[in-house]
Amino acid sequence: MRIAVFGSGAVGGYFGGRLAQAGEDVTFIARGEHLRAMHRSGLRVDSPKGGFVLQPIKVTEDPGQVGAVDVILVGVKAWQVPQAARSMRPMVGANTWVVPLQNGVEAPSQLAEALGSQHVVGGLCKVSSFVAEPGHIRHVGVEPYVAFGELDNHPSQRTEQLRQAFARAAGLTVEIPADIHAAMWEKFLFIASFSGTGAVARVPVGVLRSVPETRQLLEEAMHEVLAVARAHAIAMPDDIVANTMAFVDSLPPDGMASMQRDILQGRPSELASQSGAVMRLGQEVNVATPVHRFIYSSLWPLELRARGQLQFSL
């Protein structure tokens, strides 16, 4: 398979790197100093699952140089997906298909709008990783997991072929869920609630889950996502909140979500694609989401500041 990774940071760098390590034909799309470092020294991945360096590596900033590929893994931030979809068109041939791996549940429809629904599947991943420095990805926690599936949940040769490629790669688990929409929403329930409450409280998960007031806020945020999902006819398990809270309790106490780190460090974040999306999707089905509205409204001035649209000192 010819695989392109559009967005080669913490997510794309890890999962694309594992595929390349296993011998797959992978081209990375990167930019800036990250691109230059990968040209100079390849891609380094440090992980409790085993570190590695890819050198030489196929990397470019120009999708037009790559040509049509079999699969595109989309590793950009959720708010970058619409622009990424337009930029990746030179790599989309008649049989190319695209797998979104970012947080949120809106990427498949955004990609389908730009590229055509026949080119898009649903997807998600779980990993705690970050760009330690240009050309260097560090995986620090959470068992790396990737899942994808056709949007109508029918079995297909193309998803099975990619599943087998991931299965040959070390350091991760791969799955084709019976219901990709439910799988995406189950992750969304966790990440939107965890990211939002952690960011607004400005504390790591060990504090978030141990202080009764913030723990209750986190659970209420999860129940809102559950209500919105069910109103959209997503088949969510009855014990999803309890199971997700158990997962939160298993995380390293100093853990933070990427959205929380971005907000605390003054960078543009996925706020609009997480708590903002909970609000929008709730409004579509007349489900109130007061916790996520509070989170979004509280953090939005910081988001505007990070995007250069509002100036103030802290």
Protein backbone atom coordinates (compact mmCIF):
# COMPACT_ATOMS: atom_id res chain seq x y z
CA MET A 1 0.00 0.00 0.00
CA ARG A 2 1.08 3.55 -0.68
CA ILE A 3 0.21 5.54 2.43
CA ALA A 4 0.46 9.29 2.97
CA VAL A 5 0.38 10.87 6.41
CA PHE A 6 -1.03 14.39 6.19
CA GLY A 7 0.09 16.04 9.42
CA SER A 8 3.15 14.32 10.85
CA GLY A 9 3.07 15.55 14.43
CA ALA A 10 2.23 13.72 17.63
CA VAL A 11 -0.45 11.48 16.07
CA GLY A 12 0.64 11.17 12.44
CA GLY A 13 4.28 10.85 13.40
CA TYR A 14 3.58 7.99 15.78
CA PHE A 15 1.14 5.89 13.74
CA GLY A 16 2.71 6.66 10.37
CA GLY A 17 6.10 5.99 11.86
CA ARG A 18 5.02 2.57 13.10
CA LEU A 19 3.71 1.68 9.64
CA ALA A 20 6.97 2.80 8.00
CA GLN A 21 8.97 0.91 10.62
CA ALA A 22 7.02 -2.22 9.63
CA GLY A 23 8.01 -1.78 5.99
CA GLU A 24 4.99 0.02 4.53
CA ASP A 25 5.51 2.64 1.81
CA VAL A 26 4.77 5.81 3.80
CA THR A 27 5.21 9.42 2.75
CA PHE A 28 4.93 12.10 5.41
CA ILE A 29 3.53 15.58 4.72
CA ALA A 30 5.12 18.06 7.11
CA ARG A 31 6.17 21.70 7.16
CA GLY A 32 8.46 24.21 8.78
CA GLU A 33 11.25 23.18 11.11
CA HIS A 34 9.66 19.75 11.63
CA LEU A 35 10.03 19.12 7.89
CA ARG A 36 13.61 20.40 7.83
CA ALA A 37 14.59 18.25 10.80
CA MET A 38 13.10 15.16 9.17
CA HIS A 39 15.06 15.90 5.98
CA ARG A 40 18.28 16.22 8.01
CA SER A 41 17.94 13.43 10.54
CA GLY A 42 14.79 11.44 9.82
CA LEU A 43 12.00 10.89 12.31
CA ARG A 44 12.77 9.81 15.87
CA VAL A 45 10.04 8.25 18.01
CA ASP A 46 10.60 7.54 21.71
CA SER A 47 8.07 5.19 23.28
CA PRO A 48 7.64 2.73 26.15
CA LYS A 49 6.66 0.37 23.32
CA GLY A 50 10.12 0.68 21.82
CA GLY A 51 11.77 3.66 20.21
CA PHE A 52 13.04 3.90 16.64
CA VAL A 53 14.48 6.26 14.05
CA LEU A 54 13.33 6.36 10.42
CA GLN A 55 16.28 7.43 8.27
CA PRO A 56 16.09 7.87 5.35
CA ILE A 57 12.47 8.99 5.30
CA LYS A 58 10.06 10.06 2.55
CA VAL A 59 8.83 13.51 3.55
CA THR A 60 7.66 16.61 1.70
CA GLU A 61 5.55 19.71 2.24
CA ASP A 62 4.00 19.49 -1.24
CA PRO A 63 1.23 16.91 -1.74
CA GLY A 64 1.53 17.54 -5.48
CA GLN A 65 4.95 15.84 -5.43
CA VAL A 66 3.45 12.65 -3.99
CA GLY A 67 0.71 11.86 -6.50
CA ALA A 68 -2.21 9.53 -5.91
CA VAL A 69 -1.85 7.13 -2.97
CA ASP A 70 -3.96 4.29 -1.63
CA VAL A 71 -4.64 5.72 1.83
CA ILE A 72 -4.25 9.09 3.51
CA LEU A 73 -4.04 9.20 7.30
CA VAL A 74 -5.09 12.65 8.50
CA GLY A 75 -3.17 13.67 11.61
CA VAL A 76 -3.77 17.43 11.72
CA LYS A 77 -5.68 19.17 14.50
CA ALA A 78 -9.47 19.07 14.20
CA TRP A 79 -9.75 22.76 13.33
CA GLN A 80 -7.30 22.26 10.44
CA VAL A 81 -9.29 19.50 8.70
CA PRO A 82 -11.23 21.63 6.16
CA GLN A 83 -8.04 23.28 4.87
CA ALA A 84 -6.18 19.95 4.95
CA ALA A 85 -8.92 18.35 2.84
CA ARG A 86 -8.42 20.94 0.12
CA SER A 87 -4.63 20.63 0.27
CA MET A 88 -4.56 16.83 -0.03
CA ARG A 89 -6.56 16.71 -3.29
CA PRO A 90 -3.45 16.07 -5.46
CA MET A 91 -2.98 12.78 -3.59
CA VAL A 92 -6.58 11.61 -4.04
CA GLY A 93 -7.01 9.30 -7.01
CA ALA A 94 -10.07 7.34 -8.07
CA ASN A 95 -9.48 4.64 -5.42
CA THR A 96 -7.87 6.70 -2.66
CA TRP A 97 -9.53 6.74 0.74
CA VAL A 98 -8.96 8.95 3.74
CA VAL A 99 -8.84 8.04 7.44
CA PRO A 100 -9.32 10.88 9.98
CA LEU A 101 -7.48 10.30 13.28
CA GLN A 102 -8.04 13.60 15.09
CA ASN A 103 -10.29 14.29 18.06
CA GLY A 104 -13.97 15.01 17.48
CA VAL A 105 -16.75 13.55 15.36
CA GLU A 106 -17.08 16.11 12.55
CA ALA A 107 -14.00 15.28 10.44
CA PRO A 108 -15.63 12.57 8.26
CA SER A 109 -18.37 14.93 7.07
CA GLN A 110 -15.86 17.75 6.52
CA LEU A 111 -13.59 15.49 4.47
CA ALA A 112 -16.54 14.05 2.52
CA GLU A 113 -17.75 17.53 1.63
CA ALA A 114 -14.39 18.36 0.08
CA LEU A 115 -13.39 15.00 -1.38
CA GLY A 116 -16.59 12.98 -1.85
CA SER A 117 -18.07 10.49 0.58
CA GLN A 118 -16.73 7.49 -1.36
CA HIS A 119 -13.20 8.56 -0.39
CA VAL A 120 -13.82 8.81 3.37
CA VAL A 121 -14.16 6.39 6.28
CA GLY A 122 -14.58 7.02 9.99
CA GLY A 123 -11.56 6.80 12.24
CA LEU A 124 -10.05 7.56 15.61
CA CYS A 125 -6.95 6.90 17.63
CA LYS A 126 -5.83 6.91 21.23
CA VAL A 127 -2.32 7.86 22.25
CA SER A 128 -0.64 10.34 24.57
CA SER A 129 2.25 11.80 22.60
CA PHE A 130 3.74 15.14 21.65
CA VAL A 131 6.41 16.74 19.49
CA ALA A 132 9.38 16.96 21.85
CA GLU A 133 11.38 18.93 19.26
CA PRO A 134 11.34 19.12 15.46
CA GLY A 135 11.71 15.63 14.04
CA HIS A 136 11.20 13.99 17.42
CA ILE A 137 7.93 12.44 18.69
CA ARG A 138 7.63 11.27 22.29
CA HIS A 139 4.94 8.76 23.30
CA VAL A 140 4.44 9.05 27.06
CA GLY A 141 1.28 7.12 27.93
CA VAL A 142 -1.99 5.47 26.92
CA GLU A 143 -1.87 2.23 24.96
CA PRO A 144 -1.63 3.30 21.28
CA TYR A 145 -4.83 2.31 19.50
CA VAL A 146 -6.24 3.02 16.07
CA ALA A 147 -9.68 2.16 14.68
CA PHE A 148 -11.47 2.86 11.42
CA GLY A 149 -14.44 1.61 9.45
CA GLU A 150 -16.75 2.31 6.55
CA LEU A 151 -19.31 4.99 7.37
CA ASP A 152 -22.16 2.54 6.72
CA ASN A 153 -20.35 -0.10 8.83
CA HIS A 154 -20.15 -2.67 6.03
CA PRO A 155 -17.01 -4.86 5.87
CA SER A 156 -14.67 -3.87 3.05
CA GLN A 157 -11.47 -5.11 1.48
CA ARG A 158 -9.79 -1.72 1.78
CA THR A 159 -10.30 -1.39 5.53
CA GLU A 160 -9.22 -5.00 6.08
CA GLN A 161 -6.05 -4.41 4.06
CA LEU A 162 -5.15 -1.41 6.20
CA ARG A 163 -6.03 -3.31 9.37
CA GLN A 164 -3.55 -6.00 8.37
CA ALA A 165 -0.87 -3.38 7.72
CA PHE A 166 -1.37 -1.91 11.19
CA ALA A 167 -1.44 -5.40 12.69
CA ARG A 168 2.07 -5.99 11.32
CA ALA A 169 3.31 -2.81 13.05
CA ALA A 170 4.73 -2.92 16.56
CA GLY A 171 3.58 -0.79 19.45
CA LEU A 172 -0.14 -0.43 18.78
CA THR A 173 -3.52 -2.14 18.67
CA VAL A 174 -5.81 -1.89 15.64
CA GLU A 175 -9.52 -2.60 15.29
CA ILE A 176 -12.41 -2.29 12.85
CA PRO A 177 -15.33 -1.64 15.25
CA ALA A 178 -18.78 -3.02 14.52
CA ASP A 179 -20.09 0.57 14.67
CA ILE A 180 -17.51 3.22 13.81
CA HIS A 181 -19.86 6.08 14.71
CA ALA A 182 -20.41 4.72 18.22
CA ALA A 183 -16.65 4.22 18.60
CA MET A 184 -15.94 7.81 17.55
CA TRP A 185 -18.58 9.18 19.92
CA GLU A 186 -17.28 7.07 22.81
CA LYS A 187 -13.87 8.66 22.37
CA PHE A 188 -15.49 12.07 21.89
CA LEU A 189 -17.35 11.69 25.19
CA PHE A 190 -13.98 11.21 26.90
CA ILE A 191 -11.80 13.72 25.10
CA ALA A 192 -14.22 16.65 24.89
CA SER A 193 -15.13 16.35 28.56
CA PHE A 194 -11.60 15.68 29.81
CA SER A 195 -10.03 18.39 27.67
CA GLY A 196 -12.63 21.00 28.52
CA THR A 197 -12.84 20.50 32.27
CA GLY A 198 -9.07 20.15 32.57
CA ALA A 199 -8.51 23.35 30.60
CA VAL A 200 -11.05 25.43 32.50
CA ALA A 201 -9.82 24.13 35.88
CA ARG A 202 -6.16 24.44 34.76
CA VAL A 203 -5.14 21.26 36.59
CA PRO A 204 -3.74 17.84 35.59
CA VAL A 205 -5.95 14.77 35.67
CA GLY A 206 -4.78 13.63 39.10
CA VAL A 207 -6.27 16.78 40.62
CA LEU A 208 -9.26 16.87 38.28
CA ARG A 209 -10.46 13.42 39.34
CA SER A 210 -9.63 13.68 43.05
CA VAL A 211 -11.32 16.99 43.94
CA PRO A 212 -15.07 16.24 44.31
CA GLU A 213 -16.18 19.46 42.61
CA THR A 214 -14.08 19.01 39.47
CA ARG A 215 -14.82 15.30 39.33
CA GLN A 216 -18.53 16.06 39.35
CA LEU A 217 -18.04 18.67 36.61
CA LEU A 218 -16.23 16.08 34.49
CA GLU A 219 -18.99 13.51 34.93
CA GLU A 220 -21.70 16.06 34.12
CA ALA A 221 -19.82 17.01 30.94
CA MET A 222 -19.75 13.33 29.92
CA HIS A 223 -23.47 12.91 30.54
CA GLU A 224 -24.14 15.87 28.25
CA VAL A 225 -22.19 14.25 25.41
CA LEU A 226 -24.06 10.99 26.02
CA ALA A 227 -27.42 12.77 25.77
CA VAL A 228 -26.41 14.51 22.54
CA ALA A 229 -25.12 11.25 21.03
CA ARG A 230 -28.32 9.38 21.78
CA ALA A 231 -30.41 12.21 20.38
CA HIS A 232 -28.40 11.76 17.16
CA ALA A 233 -29.31 8.04 17.19
CA ILE A 234 -25.82 6.90 18.17
CA ALA A 235 -25.92 3.56 20.00
CA MET A 236 -24.01 4.34 23.19
CA PRO A 237 -23.61 1.75 25.99
CA ASP A 238 -25.46 2.37 29.24
CA ASP A 239 -22.22 2.10 31.22
CA ILE A 240 -20.15 4.40 29.02
CA VAL A 241 -19.77 7.19 31.60
CA ALA A 242 -18.80 4.79 34.37
CA ASN A 243 -16.32 3.02 32.10
CA THR A 244 -14.85 6.31 30.91
CA MET A 245 -14.44 7.56 34.46
CA ALA A 246 -12.64 4.30 35.29
CA PHE A 247 -10.29 5.02 32.39
CA VAL A 248 -9.72 8.55 33.70
CA ASP A 249 -8.84 7.04 37.07
CA SER A 250 -6.19 4.89 35.38
CA LEU A 251 -4.33 7.78 33.75
CA PRO A 252 -0.99 9.05 35.10
CA PRO A 253 -1.77 11.84 37.60
CA ASP A 254 0.20 14.48 35.69
CA GLY A 255 -1.62 13.79 32.42
CA MET A 256 -3.24 16.50 30.32
CA ALA A 257 -5.09 16.44 27.01
CA SER A 258 -3.49 18.09 23.99
CA MET A 259 -6.24 20.73 23.86
CA GLN A 260 -5.55 21.64 27.47
CA ARG A 261 -1.81 21.94 26.81
CA ASP A 262 -2.47 24.14 23.78
CA ILE A 263 -4.73 26.49 25.74
CA LEU A 264 -2.38 26.73 28.72
CA GLN A 265 0.55 27.46 26.39
CA GLY A 266 -1.33 30.09 24.38
CA ARG A 267 -1.63 28.12 21.13
CA PRO A 268 -4.72 27.70 18.92
CA SER A 269 -6.67 24.70 20.17
CA GLU A 270 -9.49 22.30 19.33
CA LEU A 271 -11.94 24.09 21.65
CA ALA A 272 -14.43 24.76 18.84
CA SER A 273 -14.22 21.12 17.70
CA GLN A 274 -14.72 19.71 21.19
CA SER A 275 -16.90 21.66 23.64
CA GLY A 276 -17.99 23.89 20.76
CA ALA A 277 -19.07 20.83 18.77
CA VAL A 278 -20.99 19.44 21.75
CA MET A 279 -22.91 22.71 21.85
CA ARG A 280 -23.60 22.79 18.10
CA LEU A 281 -24.62 19.16 17.88
CA GLY A 282 -26.80 19.57 20.95
CA GLN A 283 -28.58 22.54 19.43
CA GLU A 284 -29.36 20.47 16.32
CA VAL A 285 -31.40 18.01 18.44
CA ASN A 286 -32.62 20.45 21.15
CA VAL A 287 -30.41 18.98 23.90
CA ALA A 288 -29.11 21.49 26.43
CA THR A 289 -25.37 21.38 27.18
CA PRO A 290 -24.80 23.93 29.97
CA VAL A 291 -21.47 22.49 31.16
CA HIS A 292 -19.90 22.55 27.71
CA ARG A 293 -21.39 25.99 27.07
CA PHE A 294 -19.72 27.21 30.27
CA ILE A 295 -16.41 25.63 29.24
CA TYR A 296 -16.55 27.05 25.73
CA SER A 297 -17.62 30.53 26.83
CA SER A 298 -14.97 30.66 29.56
CA LEU A 299 -12.11 29.64 27.28
CA TRP A 300 -13.12 31.39 24.06
CA PRO A 301 -11.35 34.70 24.85
CA LEU A 302 -8.09 32.76 25.27
CA GLU A 303 -8.73 31.04 21.94
CA LEU A 304 -9.27 34.40 20.22
CA ARG A 305 -6.05 35.68 21.80
CA ALA A 306 -4.12 32.62 20.59
CA ARG A 307 -5.41 33.22 17.06
CA GLY A 308 -4.39 36.88 17.10
CA GLN A 309 -7.99 38.14 17.05
CA LEU A 310 -7.98 39.63 20.55
CA GLN A 311 -5.22 41.28 22.53
CA PHE A 312 -4.93 41.41 26.31
CA SER A 313 -2.38 40.73 29.03
CA LEU A 314 -2.58 38.09 31.71
